[in-house]
Protein backbone atom coordinates (compact mmCIF):
# COMPACT_ATOMS: atom_id res chain seq x y z
CA MET A 1 57.26 41.48 3.32
CA LYS A 2 58.06 44.97 3.28
CA GLN A 3 55.60 47.58 4.61
CA PHE A 4 54.38 50.24 2.17
CA ASP A 5 53.17 53.79 3.11
CA ASP A 6 49.82 55.00 2.57
CA LYS A 7 50.65 56.74 -0.70
CA ILE A 8 51.94 53.44 -2.24
CA GLN A 9 48.81 51.44 -0.96
CA GLN A 10 46.62 54.05 -2.44
CA GLN A 11 48.49 53.66 -5.76
CA ILE A 12 48.13 49.90 -5.53
CA GLU A 13 44.57 50.24 -5.08
CA ALA A 14 44.17 52.59 -8.06
CA TYR A 15 46.17 50.26 -10.23
CA LEU A 16 44.21 47.24 -9.23
CA ASN A 17 40.79 49.13 -9.72
CA GLN A 18 41.98 50.54 -13.00
CA ASP A 19 41.60 54.04 -11.67
CA MET A 20 44.80 55.48 -13.10
CA THR A 21 45.40 57.83 -15.93
CA ASP A 22 47.59 56.17 -18.81
CA LEU A 23 50.60 58.23 -17.43
CA GLU A 24 50.10 57.19 -13.85
CA ARG A 25 49.70 53.46 -14.87
CA SER A 26 52.79 53.91 -17.05
CA ARG A 27 54.87 55.15 -14.06
CA PHE A 28 53.59 52.70 -11.74
CA GLU A 29 54.48 49.94 -13.85
CA LYS A 30 57.99 51.08 -14.10
CA GLN A 31 58.09 51.31 -10.44
CA LEU A 32 56.69 47.54 -10.45
CA HIS A 33 59.54 46.44 -12.78
CA GLN A 34 62.23 48.18 -10.60
CA ASP A 35 61.05 47.03 -7.21
CA PRO A 36 60.48 43.32 -6.70
CA GLU A 37 58.97 43.63 -3.28
CA LEU A 38 56.29 46.07 -4.66
CA HIS A 39 55.73 43.72 -7.60
CA GLU A 40 55.27 40.83 -5.08
CA GLU A 41 52.66 42.90 -2.96
CA VAL A 42 50.68 43.79 -6.10
CA GLU A 43 50.59 40.13 -7.31
CA PHE A 44 49.41 39.20 -3.64
CA GLN A 45 46.71 41.90 -3.45
CA GLU A 46 45.69 41.18 -6.96
CA SER A 47 45.32 37.29 -6.22
CA MET A 48 43.23 38.27 -2.92
CA LEU A 49 40.99 40.46 -4.88
CA GLU A 50 40.60 37.69 -7.48
CA ALA A 51 39.60 35.17 -4.73
CA TRP A 52 37.39 37.83 -3.02
CA HIS A 53 35.68 38.28 -6.54
CA GLY A 54 35.09 34.49 -6.56
CA ARG A 55 33.60 34.32 -3.29
CA VAL A 56 31.32 37.37 -4.10
CA ARG A 57 30.13 35.66 -7.32
CA ASP A 58 29.50 32.33 -5.39
CA LEU A 59 27.46 34.06 -2.89
CA HIS A 60 25.40 36.00 -5.49
CA ASP A 61 24.83 32.70 -7.24
CA ARG A 62 23.70 30.91 -4.19
CA LEU A 63 21.33 33.55 -3.15
CA GLN A 64 20.07 33.82 -6.90
CA LEU A 65 21.08 37.80 -6.86
CA PRO A 66 22.01 39.66 -9.90
CA TYR A 67 25.72 40.34 -10.04
CA ARG A 68 26.37 43.90 -10.53
CA TYR A 69 29.94 45.18 -11.21
CA ASP A 70 29.35 48.46 -9.25
CA GLU A 71 28.78 46.47 -5.94
CA TRP A 72 31.94 44.49 -6.86
CA ARG A 73 34.13 47.69 -7.09
CA ARG A 74 32.58 48.98 -3.79
CA LEU A 75 33.55 45.70 -2.21
CA LEU A 76 37.09 45.82 -3.51
CA ARG A 77 37.63 49.29 -2.08
CA ASP A 78 36.34 48.12 1.20
CA PHE A 79 38.55 45.24 1.19
CA ALA A 80 41.62 47.23 -0.04
CA ALA A 81 40.87 49.89 2.94
CA TRP A 82 40.45 46.79 5.43
CA ARG A 83 43.88 45.43 4.26
CA VAL A 84 45.68 48.82 4.65
CA GLY A 85 44.06 49.56 7.86
């Protein structure tokens, strides 16, 4: 799998966290269509985040804690930073 620089990793994170403007999202999606390796990386990271999301929900359910979206987004950012680092 291709290694992507920090700028691309930050764009992937922003894309998956829905932290892009409409114009940024449009440009990034154009890149995704043009670069199969980038598309594959985004799909991989998205699947990892979905799996992580499921684990976090399971843990919250087992501990009978309320599930809060703001905590989930923080965990996603931490996970993305760990994946890049």
